[in-house]
Amino acid sequence: MSLKKRDLLFVAIVAAVFAVFYAISGDIKTARVPYDDNHKQYLAVVQSDGKMAAEKFCGECHYTGGLAPLPDNQNHKTPSRCLICHKWEER
């Protein structure tokens, strides 16, 4: 049983797909939520009520003109779902 040209092409395409998935996976590139006095209280909310319950509090400080506003250049695909991308710092 020999490999035909189309079989090699199929193997090459599958390898390319795996290479792309490997290249885009890896370290989280978004800023992590710091485990400090300002954010520590919300980790308890995440653990008890879930991420969506805790995300309701993000806007209290992270709005334009707030205590810690988001940079203008950030393109948020889900502005009200912060904890999908922003993970907690390791303790």
PDB file of N, CA and C in Angstrom:
ATOM      1  N   MET A   1       0.849  -1.174   0.000  1.00  0.00           N
ATOM      2  CA  MET A   1       0.000   0.000   0.000  1.00  0.00           C
ATOM      3  C   MET A   1       0.893   1.235   0.000  1.00  0.00           C
ATOM      4  N   SER A   2       0.785   2.012  -1.017  1.00  0.00           N
ATOM      5  CA  SER A   2       1.618   3.205  -1.131  1.00  0.00           C
ATOM      6  C   SER A   2       0.758   4.463  -0.954  1.00  0.00           C
ATOM      7  N   LEU A   3       1.410   5.512  -0.543  1.00  0.00           N
ATOM      8  CA  LEU A   3       0.715   6.781  -0.382  1.00  0.00           C
ATOM      9  C   LEU A   3       0.639   7.492  -1.723  1.00  0.00           C
ATOM     10  N   LYS A   4      -0.553   7.974  -2.014  1.00  0.00           N
ATOM     11  CA  LYS A   4      -0.744   8.724  -3.247  1.00  0.00           C
ATOM     12  C   LYS A   4      -0.530  10.205  -2.965  1.00  0.00           C
ATOM     13  N   LYS A   5      -0.474  10.954  -4.033  1.00  0.00           N
ATOM     14  CA  LYS A   5      -0.235  12.392  -3.915  1.00  0.00           C
ATOM     15  C   LYS A   5      -1.333  13.070  -3.086  1.00  0.00           C
ATOM     16  N   ARG A   6      -2.575  12.669  -3.269  1.00  0.00           N
ATOM     17  CA  ARG A   6      -3.683  13.276  -2.522  1.00  0.00           C
ATOM     18  C   ARG A   6      -3.610  12.923  -1.043  1.00  0.00           C
ATOM     19  N   ASP A   7      -3.093  11.719  -0.712  1.00  0.00           N
ATOM     20  CA  ASP A   7      -2.927  11.341   0.694  1.00  0.00           C
ATOM     21  C   ASP A   7      -1.887  12.232   1.371  1.00  0.00           C
ATOM     22  N   LEU A   8      -0.795  12.483   0.678  1.00  0.00           N
ATOM     23  CA  LEU A   8       0.236  13.364   1.226  1.00  0.00           C
ATOM     24  C   LEU A   8      -0.289  14.791   1.383  1.00  0.00           C
ATOM     25  N   LEU A   9      -1.108  15.237   0.437  1.00  0.00           N
ATOM     26  CA  LEU A   9      -1.714  16.561   0.534  1.00  0.00           C
ATOM     27  C   LEU A   9      -2.630  16.638   1.754  1.00  0.00           C
ATOM     28  N   PHE A  10      -3.415  15.593   1.981  1.00  0.00           N
ATOM     29  CA  PHE A  10      -4.298  15.542   3.145  1.00  0.00           C
ATOM     30  C   PHE A  10      -3.491  15.602   4.441  1.00  0.00           C
ATOM     31  N   VAL A  11      -2.431  14.837   4.528  1.00  0.00           N
ATOM     32  CA  VAL A  11      -1.575  14.835   5.720  1.00  0.00           C
ATOM     33  C   VAL A  11      -0.960  16.222   5.921  1.00  0.00           C
ATOM     34  N   ALA A  12      -0.550  16.866   4.844  1.00  0.00           N
ATOM     35  CA  ALA A  12       0.037  18.205   4.943  1.00  0.00           C
ATOM     36  C   ALA A  12      -0.987  19.224   5.445  1.00  0.00           C
ATOM     37  N   ILE A  13      -2.220  19.126   4.968  1.00  0.00           N
ATOM     38  CA  ILE A  13      -3.272  20.045   5.417  1.00  0.00           C
ATOM     39  C   ILE A  13      -3.580  19.831   6.892  1.00  0.00           C
ATOM     40  N   VAL A  14      -3.698  18.582   7.313  1.00  0.00           N
ATOM     41  CA  VAL A  14      -3.955  18.278   8.728  1.00  0.00           C
ATOM     42  C   VAL A  14      -2.815  18.796   9.596  1.00  0.00           C
ATOM     43  N   ALA A  15      -1.587  18.606   9.157  1.00  0.00           N
ATOM     44  CA  ALA A  15      -0.428  19.101   9.911  1.00  0.00           C
ATOM     45  C   ALA A  15      -0.451  20.626   9.991  1.00  0.00           C
ATOM     46  N   ALA A  16      -0.847  21.284   8.906  1.00  0.00           N
ATOM     47  CA  ALA A  16      -0.923  22.747   8.911  1.00  0.00           C
ATOM     48  C   ALA A  16      -1.991  23.241   9.881  1.00  0.00           C
ATOM     49  N   VAL A  17      -3.121  22.560   9.925  1.00  0.00           N
ATOM     50  CA  VAL A  17      -4.187  22.936  10.866  1.00  0.00           C
ATOM     51  C   VAL A  17      -3.697  22.795  12.303  1.00  0.00           C
ATOM     52  N   PHE A  18      -3.050  21.685  12.615  1.00  0.00           N
ATOM     53  CA  PHE A  18      -2.506  21.494  13.966  1.00  0.00           C
ATOM     54  C   PHE A  18      -1.446  22.545  14.286  1.00  0.00           C
ATOM     55  N   ALA A  19      -0.636  22.905  13.313  1.00  0.00           N
ATOM     56  CA  ALA A  19       0.397  23.922  13.530  1.00  0.00           C
ATOM     57  C   ALA A  19      -0.228  25.281  13.842  1.00  0.00           C
ATOM     58  N   VAL A  20      -1.307  25.618  13.156  1.00  0.00           N
ATOM     59  CA  VAL A  20      -1.992  26.886  13.420  1.00  0.00           C
ATOM     60  C   VAL A  20      -2.585  26.884  14.822  1.00  0.00           C
ATOM     61  N   PHE A  21      -3.254  25.796  15.205  1.00  0.00           N
ATOM     62  CA  PHE A  21      -3.820  25.718  16.555  1.00  0.00           C
ATOM     63  C   PHE A  21      -2.731  25.803  17.613  1.00  0.00           C
ATOM     64  N   TYR A  22      -1.613  25.177  17.379  1.00  0.00           N
ATOM     65  CA  TYR A  22      -0.501  25.229  18.328  1.00  0.00           C
ATOM     66  C   TYR A  22       0.061  26.645  18.425  1.00  0.00           C
ATOM     67  N   ALA A  23       0.140  27.329  17.301  1.00  0.00           N
ATOM     68  CA  ALA A  23       0.715  28.677  17.280  1.00  0.00           C
ATOM     69  C   ALA A  23      -0.164  29.686  18.008  1.00  0.00           C
ATOM     70  N   ILE A  24      -1.483  29.533  17.922  1.00  0.00           N
ATOM     71  CA  ILE A  24      -2.366  30.509  18.564  1.00  0.00           C
ATOM     72  C   ILE A  24      -2.674  30.161  20.007  1.00  0.00           C
ATOM     73  N   SER A  25      -2.328  28.978  20.440  1.00  0.00           N
ATOM     74  CA  SER A  25      -2.541  28.626  21.838  1.00  0.00           C
ATOM     75  C   SER A  25      -1.328  29.060  22.646  1.00  0.00           C
ATOM     76  N   GLY A  26      -1.449  28.980  23.932  1.00  0.00           N
ATOM     77  CA  GLY A  26      -0.299  29.327  24.762  1.00  0.00           C
ATOM     78  C   GLY A  26      -0.673  30.251  25.884  1.00  0.00           C
ATOM     79  N   ASP A  27       0.240  31.116  26.236  1.00  0.00           N
ATOM     80  CA  ASP A  27       0.043  32.014  27.360  1.00  0.00           C
ATOM     81  C   ASP A  27      -1.115  32.970  27.111  1.00  0.00           C
ATOM     82  N   ILE A  28      -1.754  33.339  28.204  1.00  0.00           N
ATOM     83  CA  ILE A  28      -2.819  34.329  28.137  1.00  0.00           C
ATOM     84  C   ILE A  28      -2.176  35.681  27.871  1.00  0.00           C
ATOM     85  N   LYS A  29      -2.683  36.386  26.888  1.00  0.00           N
ATOM     86  CA  LYS A  29      -2.070  37.644  26.487  1.00  0.00           C
ATOM     87  C   LYS A  29      -2.783  38.862  27.068  1.00  0.00           C
ATOM     88  N   THR A  30      -3.933  38.669  27.704  1.00  0.00           N
ATOM     89  CA  THR A  30      -4.647  39.789  28.307  1.00  0.00           C
ATOM     90  C   THR A  30      -4.133  40.037  29.716  1.00  0.00           C
ATOM     91  N   ALA A  31      -4.387  41.226  30.215  1.00  0.00           N
ATOM     92  CA  ALA A  31      -3.978  41.563  31.582  1.00  0.00           C
ATOM     93  C   ALA A  31      -4.754  40.703  32.571  1.00  0.00           C
ATOM     94  N   ARG A  32      -4.073  40.291  33.619  1.00  0.00           N
ATOM     95  CA  ARG A  32      -4.725  39.489  34.651  1.00  0.00           C
ATOM     96  C   ARG A  32      -5.354  40.402  35.697  1.00  0.00           C
ATOM     97  N   VAL A  33      -6.417  39.908  36.318  1.00  0.00           N
ATOM     98  CA  VAL A  33      -7.048  40.633  37.416  1.00  0.00           C
ATOM     99  C   VAL A  33      -6.150  40.465  38.632  1.00  0.00           C
ATOM    100  N   PRO A  34      -5.656  41.565  39.204  1.00  0.00           N
ATOM    101  CA  PRO A  34      -4.734  41.429  40.335  1.00  0.00           C
ATOM    102  C   PRO A  34      -5.444  40.929  41.584  1.00  0.00           C
ATOM    103  N   TYR A  35      -4.722  40.178  42.375  1.00  0.00           N
ATOM    104  CA  TYR A  35      -5.261  39.716  43.652  1.00  0.00           C
ATOM    105  C   TYR A  35      -4.814  40.721  44.708  1.00  0.00           C
ATOM    106  N   ASP A  36      -5.486  41.874  44.729  1.00  0.00           N
ATOM    107  CA  ASP A  36      -5.156  42.923  45.686  1.00  0.00           C
ATOM    108  C   ASP A  36      -6.405  43.255  46.505  1.00  0.00           C
ATOM    109  N   ASP A  37      -6.283  44.247  47.381  1.00  0.00           N
ATOM    110  CA  ASP A  37      -7.406  44.592  48.255  1.00  0.00           C
ATOM    111  C   ASP A  37      -8.622  45.083  47.476  1.00  0.00           C
ATOM    112  N   ASN A  38      -8.407  45.725  46.336  1.00  0.00           N
ATOM    113  CA  ASN A  38      -9.530  46.220  45.533  1.00  0.00           C
ATOM    114  C   ASN A  38     -10.312  45.095  44.865  1.00  0.00           C
ATOM    115  N   HIS A  39      -9.633  44.029  44.478  1.00  0.00           N
ATOM    116  CA  HIS A  39     -10.273  42.963  43.709  1.00  0.00           C
ATOM    117  C   HIS A  39     -10.565  41.707  44.523  1.00  0.00           C
ATOM    118  N   LYS A  40      -9.929  41.542  45.660  1.00  0.00           N
ATOM    119  CA  LYS A  40     -10.043  40.317  46.452  1.00  0.00           C
ATOM    120  C   LYS A  40     -11.495  39.990  46.810  1.00  0.00           C
ATOM    121  N   GLN A  41     -12.275  41.021  47.121  1.00  0.00           N
ATOM    122  CA  GLN A  41     -13.667  40.803  47.513  1.00  0.00           C
ATOM    123  C   GLN A  41     -14.494  40.201  46.372  1.00  0.00           C
ATOM    124  N   TYR A  42     -14.113  40.489  45.138  1.00  0.00           N
ATOM    125  CA  TYR A  42     -14.880  39.989  43.994  1.00  0.00           C
ATOM    126  C   TYR A  42     -14.538  38.546  43.653  1.00  0.00           C
ATOM    127  N   LEU A  43     -13.376  38.084  44.082  1.00  0.00           N
ATOM    128  CA  LEU A  43     -13.040  36.674  43.887  1.00  0.00           C
ATOM    129  C   LEU A  43     -14.005  35.799  44.675  1.00  0.00           C
ATOM    130  N   ALA A  44     -14.390  36.245  45.863  1.00  0.00           N
ATOM    131  CA  ALA A  44     -15.375  35.505  46.657  1.00  0.00           C
ATOM    132  C   ALA A  44     -16.719  35.462  45.944  1.00  0.00           C
ATOM    133  N   VAL A  45     -17.089  36.550  45.267  1.00  0.00           N
ATOM    134  CA  VAL A  45     -18.340  36.577  44.501  1.00  0.00           C
ATOM    135  C   VAL A  45     -18.261  35.592  43.341  1.00  0.00           C
ATOM    136  N   VAL A  46     -17.117  35.542  42.665  1.00  0.00           N
ATOM    137  CA  VAL A  46     -16.929  34.594  41.561  1.00  0.00           C
ATOM    138  C   VAL A  46     -17.095  33.170  42.066  1.00  0.00           C
ATOM    139  N   GLN A  47     -16.488  32.865  43.196  1.00  0.00           N
ATOM    140  CA  GLN A  47     -16.530  31.504  43.722  1.00  0.00           C
ATOM    141  C   GLN A  47     -17.919  31.123  44.210  1.00  0.00           C
ATOM    142  N   SER A  48     -18.683  32.080  44.733  1.00  0.00           N
ATOM    143  CA  SER A  48     -20.004  31.741  45.260  1.00  0.00           C
ATOM    144  C   SER A  48     -21.114  31.875  44.221  1.00  0.00           C
ATOM    145  N   ASP A  49     -21.084  32.942  43.424  1.00  0.00           N
ATOM    146  CA  ASP A  49     -22.194  33.223  42.508  1.00  0.00           C
ATOM    147  C   ASP A  49     -21.840  33.138  41.031  1.00  0.00           C
ATOM    148  N   GLY A  50     -20.561  33.018  40.705  1.00  0.00           N
ATOM    149  CA  GLY A  50     -20.146  32.899  39.316  1.00  0.00           C
ATOM    150  C   GLY A  50     -19.580  34.193  38.753  1.00  0.00           C
ATOM    151  N   LYS A  51     -18.979  34.065  37.573  1.00  0.00           N
ATOM    152  CA  LYS A  51     -18.302  35.196  36.932  1.00  0.00           C
ATOM    153  C   LYS A  51     -19.259  36.322  36.567  1.00  0.00           C
ATOM    154  N   MET A  52     -20.437  35.975  36.059  1.00  0.00           N
ATOM    155  CA  MET A  52     -21.371  37.013  35.617  1.00  0.00           C
ATOM    156  C   MET A  52     -21.799  37.907  36.771  1.00  0.00           C
ATOM    157  N   ALA A  53     -21.945  37.338  37.956  1.00  0.00           N
ATOM    158  CA  ALA A  53     -22.328  38.138  39.120  1.00  0.00           C
ATOM    159  C   ALA A  53     -21.217  39.108  39.499  1.00  0.00           C
ATOM    160  N   ALA A  54     -19.972  38.676  39.406  1.00  0.00           N
ATOM    161  CA  ALA A  54     -18.843  39.535  39.774  1.00  0.00           C
ATOM    162  C   ALA A  54     -18.588  40.606  38.723  1.00  0.00           C
ATOM    163  N   GLU A  55     -18.866  40.306  37.467  1.00  0.00           N
ATOM    164  CA  GLU A  55     -18.588  41.263  36.389  1.00  0.00           C
ATOM    165  C   GLU A  55     -19.461  42.510  36.473  1.00  0.00           C
ATOM    166  N   LYS A  56     -20.547  42.432  37.202  1.00  0.00           N
ATOM    167  CA  LYS A  56     -21.415  43.603  37.368  1.00  0.00           C
ATOM    168  C   LYS A  56     -20.708  44.725  38.116  1.00  0.00           C
ATOM    169  N   PHE A  57     -19.667  44.386  38.879  1.00  0.00           N
ATOM    170  CA  PHE A  57     -18.961  45.381  39.677  1.00  0.00           C
ATOM    171  C   PHE A  57     -17.778  46.010  38.937  1.00  0.00           C
ATOM    172  N   CYS A  58     -17.361  45.470  37.818  1.00  0.00           N
ATOM    173  CA  CYS A  58     -16.184  45.978  37.095  1.00  0.00           C
ATOM    174  C   CYS A  58     -16.358  47.430  36.681  1.00  0.00           C
ATOM    175  N   GLY A  59     -17.556  47.782  36.261  1.00  0.00           N
ATOM    176  CA  GLY A  59     -17.813  49.128  35.780  1.00  0.00           C
ATOM    177  C   GLY A  59     -17.729  50.204  36.841  1.00  0.00           C
ATOM    178  N   GLU A  60     -17.763  49.822  38.120  1.00  0.00           N
ATOM    179  CA  GLU A  60     -17.686  50.820  39.186  1.00  0.00           C
ATOM    180  C   GLU A  60     -16.360  51.580  39.150  1.00  0.00           C
ATOM    181  N   CYS A  61     -15.287  50.924  38.776  1.00  0.00           N
ATOM    182  CA  CYS A  61     -13.968  51.573  38.720  1.00  0.00           C
ATOM    183  C   CYS A  61     -13.436  51.702  37.296  1.00  0.00           C
ATOM    184  N   HIS A  62     -13.803  50.776  36.434  1.00  0.00           N
ATOM    185  CA  HIS A  62     -13.212  50.705  35.098  1.00  0.00           C
ATOM    186  C   HIS A  62     -14.136  51.306  34.042  1.00  0.00           C
ATOM    187  N   TYR A  63     -14.427  52.589  34.182  1.00  0.00           N
ATOM    188  CA  TYR A  63     -15.177  53.312  33.165  1.00  0.00           C
ATOM    189  C   TYR A  63     -14.391  54.570  32.821  1.00  0.00           C
ATOM    190  N   THR A  64     -14.718  55.219  31.742  1.00  0.00           N
ATOM    191  CA  THR A  64     -13.996  56.423  31.340  1.00  0.00           C
ATOM    192  C   THR A  64     -14.140  57.480  32.426  1.00  0.00           C
ATOM    193  N   GLY A  65     -13.016  57.924  32.961  1.00  0.00           N
ATOM    194  CA  GLY A  65     -13.030  58.912  34.035  1.00  0.00           C
ATOM    195  C   GLY A  65     -13.127  58.301  35.418  1.00  0.00           C
ATOM    196  N   GLY A  66     -13.148  56.983  35.506  1.00  0.00           N
ATOM    197  CA  GLY A  66     -13.255  56.310  36.796  1.00  0.00           C
ATOM    198  C   GLY A  66     -11.916  56.193  37.501  1.00  0.00           C
ATOM    199  N   LEU A  67     -11.911  55.446  38.591  1.00  0.00           N
ATOM    200  CA  LEU A  67     -10.707  55.255  39.398  1.00  0.00           C
ATOM    201  C   LEU A  67      -9.584  54.604  38.593  1.00  0.00           C
ATOM    202  N   ALA A  68      -9.914  53.606  37.798  1.00  0.00           N
ATOM    203  CA  ALA A  68      -8.932  52.903  36.962  1.00  0.00           C
ATOM    204  C   ALA A  68      -9.554  52.651  35.588  1.00  0.00           C
ATOM    205  N   PRO A  69      -9.663  53.700  34.754  1.00  0.00           N
ATOM    206  CA  PRO A  69     -10.336  53.539  33.461  1.00  0.00           C
ATOM    207  C   PRO A  69      -9.571  52.625  32.515  1.00  0.00           C
ATOM    208  N   LEU A  70     -10.310  51.995  31.639  1.00  0.00           N
ATOM    209  CA  LEU A  70      -9.702  51.147  30.620  1.00  0.00           C
ATOM    210  C   LEU A  70      -9.002  52.025  29.594  1.00  0.00           C
ATOM    211  N   PRO A  71      -7.906  51.557  29.027  1.00  0.00           N
ATOM    212  CA  PRO A  71      -7.244  52.332  27.967  1.00  0.00           C
ATOM    213  C   PRO A  71      -8.172  52.512  26.769  1.00  0.00           C
ATOM    214  N   ASP A  72      -8.056  53.649  26.110  1.00  0.00           N
ATOM    215  CA  ASP A  72      -8.913  53.938  24.956  1.00  0.00           C
ATOM    216  C   ASP A  72      -8.665  52.992  23.796  1.00  0.00           C
ATOM    217  N   ASN A  73      -7.458  52.436  23.720  1.00  0.00           N
ATOM    218  CA  ASN A  73      -7.112  51.600  22.571  1.00  0.00           C
ATOM    219  C   ASN A  73      -7.552  50.153  22.729  1.00  0.00           C
ATOM    220  N   GLN A  74      -8.200  49.809  23.826  1.00  0.00           N
ATOM    221  CA  GLN A  74      -8.628  48.419  23.997  1.00  0.00           C
ATOM    222  C   GLN A  74      -9.910  48.181  23.224  1.00  0.00           C
ATOM    223  N   ASN A  75      -9.896  47.173  22.398  1.00  0.00           N
ATOM    224  CA  ASN A  75     -11.059  46.793  21.620  1.00  0.00           C
ATOM    225  C   ASN A  75     -11.704  45.604  22.310  1.00  0.00           C
ATOM    226  N   HIS A  76     -12.734  45.856  23.085  1.00  0.00           N
ATOM    227  CA  HIS A  76     -13.393  44.782  23.818  1.00  0.00           C
ATOM    228  C   HIS A  76     -14.532  44.213  22.992  1.00  0.00           C
ATOM    229  N   LYS A  77     -14.439  42.934  22.702  1.00  0.00           N
ATOM    230  CA  LYS A  77     -15.501  42.270  21.951  1.00  0.00           C
ATOM    231  C   LYS A  77     -16.704  42.029  22.848  1.00  0.00           C
ATOM    232  N   THR A  78     -16.438  41.807  24.136  1.00  0.00           N
ATOM    233  CA  THR A  78     -17.511  41.584  25.103  1.00  0.00           C
ATOM    234  C   THR A  78     -17.265  42.493  26.302  1.00  0.00           C
ATOM    235  N   PRO A  79     -17.664  43.769  26.221  1.00  0.00           N
ATOM    236  CA  PRO A  79     -17.323  44.715  27.275  1.00  0.00           C
ATOM    237  C   PRO A  79     -17.939  44.394  28.628  1.00  0.00           C
ATOM    238  N   SER A  80     -19.020  43.665  28.660  1.00  0.00           N
ATOM    239  CA  SER A  80     -19.639  43.352  29.948  1.00  0.00           C
ATOM    240  C   SER A  80     -19.261  41.963  30.449  1.00  0.00           C
ATOM    241  N   ARG A  81     -18.399  41.260  29.752  1.00  0.00           N
ATOM    242  CA  ARG A  81     -17.970  39.916  30.155  1.00  0.00           C
ATOM    243  C   ARG A  81     -16.465  39.899  30.357  1.00  0.00           C
ATOM    244  N   CYS A  82     -15.988  40.671  31.319  1.00  0.00           N
ATOM    245  CA  CYS A  82     -14.557  40.878  31.563  1.00  0.00           C
ATOM    246  C   CYS A  82     -13.806  39.583  31.861  1.00  0.00           C
ATOM    247  N   LEU A  83     -14.410  38.722  32.683  1.00  0.00           N
ATOM    248  CA  LEU A  83     -13.688  37.558  33.189  1.00  0.00           C
ATOM    249  C   LEU A  83     -13.619  36.397  32.204  1.00  0.00           C
ATOM    250  N   ILE A  84     -14.143  36.584  31.006  1.00  0.00           N
ATOM    251  CA  ILE A  84     -13.934  35.568  29.970  1.00  0.00           C
ATOM    252  C   ILE A  84     -12.469  35.600  29.544  1.00  0.00           C
ATOM    253  N   CYS A  85     -11.937  36.807  29.344  1.00  0.00           N
ATOM    254  CA  CYS A  85     -10.544  36.951  28.893  1.00  0.00           C
ATOM    255  C   CYS A  85      -9.574  37.235  30.031  1.00  0.00           C
ATOM    256  N   HIS A  86      -9.996  38.046  30.981  1.00  0.00           N
ATOM    257  CA  HIS A  86      -9.109  38.469  32.070  1.00  0.00           C
ATOM    258  C   HIS A  86      -9.213  37.481  33.226  1.00  0.00           C
ATOM    259  N   LYS A  87      -8.189  36.669  33.373  1.00  0.00           N
ATOM    260  CA  LYS A  87      -8.148  35.642  34.421  1.00  0.00           C
ATOM    261  C   LYS A  87      -7.524  36.224  35.681  1.00  0.00           C
ATOM    262  N   TRP A  88      -7.740  35.555  36.803  1.00  0.00           N
ATOM    263  CA  TRP A  88      -7.187  36.005  38.081  1.00  0.00           C
ATOM    264  C   TRP A  88      -5.707  35.685  38.161  1.00  0.00           C
ATOM    265  N   GLU A  89      -4.957  36.571  38.818  1.00  0.00           N
ATOM    266  CA  GLU A  89      -3.534  36.325  39.077  1.00  0.00           C
ATOM    267  C   GLU A  89      -3.394  35.093  39.953  1.00  0.00           C
ATOM    268  N   GLU A  90      -2.296  34.394  39.752  1.00  0.00           N
ATOM    269  CA  GLU A  90      -1.996  33.255  40.615  1.00  0.00           C
ATOM    270  C   GLU A  90      -1.652  33.773  42.003  1.00  0.00           C
ATOM    271  N   ARG A  91      -2.119  33.056  43.014  1.00  0.00           N
ATOM    272  CA  ARG A  91      -1.804  33.465  44.391  1.00  0.00           C
ATOM    273  C   ARG A  91      -0.691  32.646  44.932  1.00  0.00           C
TER     274      ARG A  91
END
